[in-house]
Structure formats: C-alpha cells, structure tokens
Amino acid sequence: MTAAIAKWGNSLAVRIPQAIAEQVQIQAGSEISIEIIDGKIVLTPHRRKKYTLDELLDGMTSEHIHAEISTGVSVGNEAW
C-alpha cells in the first residue's frame, strides 16, 4: 500500500489508512515512535505497560497507606 506525503505547517505528514490503523490498534491521539533504521522510516506504536496487581502493590509501604475518609451518606445506588 502506498500513501502520499503532505505538508502540515512546517512539517510533513503521512495519512495512515484506516485498515492499517485498525491492524496495529492505533487511533487519533495514539503515540508512536519514529526511527530511521537502515535508511527506512519505521513507525512503532507505543504500548502502555500492563501491570499486575502484585506489581502495583510492590511500592506500597506503611507510609503510603492512608486512613479512610468519610464521603457522607449514600445518595444513589452505592453499595458500601
């Protein structure tokens, strides 16, 4: 598949066809890295690291645990 390069302000832009965007799971606002590898422009989508609960809790210490706070009485369908 080919695409045209267009002028965008002082930069150049490439429009990514929807079919390709869907294959690599990107959308408007997605972050990508741009590299030159062997004379080729390589675009790679950034993927957020998915943490396990254990990884998230690894940094918890007794200094990081805060007391509970009251948020008042329930006003809707909250079930505490």
C-alpha atoms as a PDB file:
ATOM      1  CA  MET A   1       0.000   0.000   0.000  1.00  0.00           C
ATOM      2  CA  THR A   2       1.273   3.489  -0.756  1.00  0.00           C
ATOM      3  CA  ALA A   3       0.454   6.841   0.805  1.00  0.00           C
ATOM      4  CA  ALA A   4       1.216  10.431  -0.148  1.00  0.00           C
ATOM      5  CA  ILE A   5       3.234  12.853   1.950  1.00  0.00           C
ATOM      6  CA  ALA A   6       1.507  16.181   2.607  1.00  0.00           C
ATOM      7  CA  LYS A   7       2.649  19.490   4.077  1.00  0.00           C
ATOM      8  CA  TRP A   8       1.422  20.186   7.624  1.00  0.00           C
ATOM      9  CA  GLY A   9       2.680  23.528   8.927  1.00  0.00           C
ATOM     10  CA  ASN A  10       6.478  23.384   8.813  1.00  0.00           C
ATOM     11  CA  SER A  11       6.432  19.584   8.860  1.00  0.00           C
ATOM     12  CA  LEU A  12       5.471  16.734   6.581  1.00  0.00           C
ATOM     13  CA  ALA A  13       2.644  14.306   7.318  1.00  0.00           C
ATOM     14  CA  VAL A  14       1.627  10.845   6.179  1.00  0.00           C
ATOM     15  CA  ARG A  15      -2.025   9.819   6.375  1.00  0.00           C
ATOM     16  CA  ILE A  16      -2.341   6.285   7.749  1.00  0.00           C
ATOM     17  CA  PRO A  17      -5.182   4.359   6.092  1.00  0.00           C
ATOM     18  CA  GLN A  18      -7.907   3.137   8.464  1.00  0.00           C
ATOM     19  CA  ALA A  19      -7.271  -0.528   7.604  1.00  0.00           C
ATOM     20  CA  ILE A  20      -3.649  -0.237   8.749  1.00  0.00           C
ATOM     21  CA  ALA A  21      -4.587   1.775  11.847  1.00  0.00           C
ATOM     22  CA  GLU A  22      -7.030  -0.958  12.841  1.00  0.00           C
ATOM     23  CA  GLN A  23      -4.444  -3.711  12.314  1.00  0.00           C
ATOM     24  CA  VAL A  24      -1.952  -2.042  14.666  1.00  0.00           C
ATOM     25  CA  GLN A  25      -4.677  -0.783  17.014  1.00  0.00           C
ATOM     26  CA  ILE A  26      -3.949   2.945  16.797  1.00  0.00           C
ATOM     27  CA  GLN A  27      -6.295   5.885  16.559  1.00  0.00           C
ATOM     28  CA  ALA A  28      -6.147   9.673  16.535  1.00  0.00           C
ATOM     29  CA  GLY A  29      -4.064  10.718  19.542  1.00  0.00           C
ATOM     30  CA  SER A  30      -2.084   7.466  19.771  1.00  0.00           C
ATOM     31  CA  GLU A  31       1.626   7.896  20.451  1.00  0.00           C
ATOM     32  CA  ILE A  32       4.210   6.353  18.148  1.00  0.00           C
ATOM     33  CA  SER A  33       7.983   6.340  17.970  1.00  0.00           C
ATOM     34  CA  ILE A  34       9.673   7.345  14.720  1.00  0.00           C
ATOM     35  CA  GLU A  35      13.079   5.902  13.864  1.00  0.00           C
ATOM     36  CA  ILE A  36      15.364   5.639  10.863  1.00  0.00           C
ATOM     37  CA  ILE A  37      16.548   2.036  10.500  1.00  0.00           C
ATOM     38  CA  ASP A  38      18.724   1.101   7.521  1.00  0.00           C
ATOM     39  CA  GLY A  39      17.554   4.212   5.671  1.00  0.00           C
ATOM     40  CA  LYS A  40      13.869   3.431   6.238  1.00  0.00           C
ATOM     41  CA  ILE A  41      11.328   5.363   8.306  1.00  0.00           C
ATOM     42  CA  VAL A  42       9.902   2.997  10.923  1.00  0.00           C
ATOM     43  CA  LEU A  43       6.788   3.935  12.916  1.00  0.00           C
ATOM     44  CA  THR A  44       6.096   1.872  16.034  1.00  0.00           C
ATOM     45  CA  PRO A  45       3.006   2.281  18.225  1.00  0.00           C
ATOM     46  CA  HIS A  46       3.703   2.857  21.924  1.00  0.00           C
ATOM     47  CA  ARG A  47       2.018   0.324  24.119  1.00  0.00           C
ATOM     48  CA  ARG A  48       1.315   1.088  27.743  1.00  0.00           C
ATOM     49  CA  LYS A  49       2.757  -1.489  30.085  1.00  0.00           C
ATOM     50  CA  LYS A  50       0.024  -3.537  31.723  1.00  0.00           C
ATOM     51  CA  TYR A  51       0.823  -4.011  35.382  1.00  0.00           C
ATOM     52  CA  THR A  52      -0.281  -6.917  37.526  1.00  0.00           C
ATOM     53  CA  LEU A  53      -1.828  -6.232  40.920  1.00  0.00           C
ATOM     54  CA  ASP A  54       1.357  -7.524  42.565  1.00  0.00           C
ATOM     55  CA  GLU A  55       3.478  -5.067  40.552  1.00  0.00           C
ATOM     56  CA  LEU A  56       1.199  -2.194  41.526  1.00  0.00           C
ATOM     57  CA  LEU A  57       1.316  -3.150  45.198  1.00  0.00           C
ATOM     58  CA  ASP A  58       5.117  -3.659  45.282  1.00  0.00           C
ATOM     59  CA  GLY A  59       5.662   0.040  46.006  1.00  0.00           C
ATOM     60  CA  MET A  60       3.193   0.134  48.893  1.00  0.00           C
ATOM     61  CA  THR A  61       4.632   0.621  52.341  1.00  0.00           C
ATOM     62  CA  SER A  62       3.035   1.526  55.657  1.00  0.00           C
ATOM     63  CA  GLU A  63       3.928   5.182  54.911  1.00  0.00           C
ATOM     64  CA  HIS A  64       1.826   5.052  51.734  1.00  0.00           C
ATOM     65  CA  ILE A  65      -1.325   3.707  53.383  1.00  0.00           C
ATOM     66  CA  HIS A  66      -3.701   6.496  54.325  1.00  0.00           C
ATOM     67  CA  ALA A  67      -6.594   6.469  56.755  1.00  0.00           C
ATOM     68  CA  GLU A  68     -10.109   6.014  55.449  1.00  0.00           C
ATOM     69  CA  ILE A  69     -12.165   9.143  54.910  1.00  0.00           C
ATOM     70  CA  SER A  70     -15.896   9.637  55.126  1.00  0.00           C
ATOM     71  CA  THR A  71     -17.626  10.743  51.953  1.00  0.00           C
ATOM     72  CA  GLY A  72     -21.020  11.150  53.594  1.00  0.00           C
ATOM     73  CA  VAL A  73     -24.183   9.139  53.294  1.00  0.00           C
ATOM     74  CA  SER A  74     -25.120   7.276  50.123  1.00  0.00           C
ATOM     75  CA  VAL A  75     -27.282   9.296  47.738  1.00  0.00           C
ATOM     76  CA  GLY A  76     -27.829   6.841  44.924  1.00  0.00           C
ATOM     77  CA  ASN A  77     -27.422   3.136  44.403  1.00  0.00           C
ATOM     78  CA  GLU A  78     -23.988   2.913  46.005  1.00  0.00           C
ATOM     79  CA  ALA A  79     -23.432  -0.260  47.959  1.00  0.00           C
ATOM     80  CA  TRP A  80     -20.695   0.115  50.548  1.00  0.00           C
END
